[in-house]
């Protein structure tokens, strides 16, 4: 029982961490493309 709880908790923590990092990565990716688009319009 304890081992099952630890495994489930670990999967939740790892899944949440990956989702959080993926969200940050997507935000940075979109933000970097916005800056490139704006700089090309200025030129």
C-alpha atoms as a PDB file:
ATOM      1  CA  UNK A   1       0.000   0.000   0.000  1.00  0.00           C
ATOM      2  CA  UNK A   2       2.706   2.491   0.977  1.00  0.00           C
ATOM      3  CA  UNK A   3       4.726   1.715  -2.155  1.00  0.00           C
ATOM      4  CA  UNK A   4       1.670   2.273  -4.356  1.00  0.00           C
ATOM      5  CA  UNK A   5       1.054   5.658  -2.731  1.00  0.00           C
ATOM      6  CA  UNK A   6       4.677   6.663  -3.233  1.00  0.00           C
ATOM      7  CA  UNK A   7       4.611   5.655  -6.906  1.00  0.00           C
ATOM      8  CA  UNK A   8       1.341   7.494  -7.558  1.00  0.00           C
ATOM      9  CA  UNK A   9       2.605  10.589  -5.742  1.00  0.00           C
ATOM     10  CA  UNK A  10       5.837  10.473  -7.731  1.00  0.00           C
ATOM     11  CA  UNK A  11       3.973  10.240 -11.022  1.00  0.00           C
ATOM     12  CA  UNK A  12       1.790  13.199 -10.061  1.00  0.00           C
ATOM     13  CA  UNK A  13       4.810  15.287  -9.075  1.00  0.00           C
ATOM     14  CA  UNK A  14       6.793  14.389 -12.194  1.00  0.00           C
ATOM     15  CA  UNK A  15       3.765  14.935 -14.441  1.00  0.00           C
ATOM     16  CA  UNK A  16       3.060  18.306 -12.859  1.00  0.00           C
ATOM     17  CA  UNK A  17       6.692  19.349 -13.182  1.00  0.00           C
ATOM     18  CA  UNK A  18       6.815  18.352 -16.848  1.00  0.00           C
ATOM     19  CA  UNK A  19       3.543  20.175 -17.555  1.00  0.00           C
ATOM     20  CA  UNK A  20       4.871  23.288 -15.795  1.00  0.00           C
ATOM     21  CA  UNK A  21       8.165  23.248 -17.717  1.00  0.00           C
ATOM     22  CA  UNK A  22       6.343  22.565 -20.987  1.00  0.00           C
ATOM     23  CA  UNK A  23       4.091  25.561 -20.359  1.00  0.00           C
ATOM     24  CA  UNK A  24       7.084  27.800 -19.677  1.00  0.00           C
ATOM     25  CA  UNK A  25       8.810  26.471 -22.805  1.00  0.00           C
ATOM     26  CA  UNK A  26       5.775  27.191 -24.975  1.00  0.00           C
ATOM     27  CA  UNK A  27       5.488  30.700 -23.510  1.00  0.00           C
ATOM     28  CA  UNK A  28       9.174  31.441 -24.194  1.00  0.00           C
ATOM     29  CA  UNK A  29       8.878  29.977 -27.708  1.00  0.00           C
ATOM     30  CA  UNK A  30       5.887  32.156 -28.577  1.00  0.00           C
ATOM     31  CA  UNK A  31       7.420  35.241 -26.960  1.00  0.00           C
ATOM     32  CA  UNK A  32      10.675  34.858 -28.882  1.00  0.00           C
ATOM     33  CA  UNK A  33       8.777  34.638 -32.174  1.00  0.00           C
ATOM     34  CA  UNK A  34       6.758  37.756 -31.319  1.00  0.00           C
ATOM     35  CA  UNK A  35       9.966  39.716 -30.742  1.00  0.00           C
ATOM     36  CA  UNK A  36      11.404  38.533 -34.072  1.00  0.00           C
ATOM     37  CA  UNK A  37       8.195  39.558 -35.883  1.00  0.00           C
ATOM     38  CA  UNK A  38       8.203  43.003 -34.280  1.00  0.00           C
ATOM     39  CA  UNK A  39      11.870  43.610 -35.080  1.00  0.00           C
ATOM     40  CA  UNK A  40      11.311  42.638 -38.727  1.00  0.00           C
ATOM     41  CA  UNK A  41       8.425  45.131 -38.980  1.00  0.00           C
ATOM     42  CA  UNK A  42      10.584  47.915 -37.507  1.00  0.00           C
ATOM     43  CA  UNK A  43      13.277  47.288 -40.108  1.00  0.00           C
END
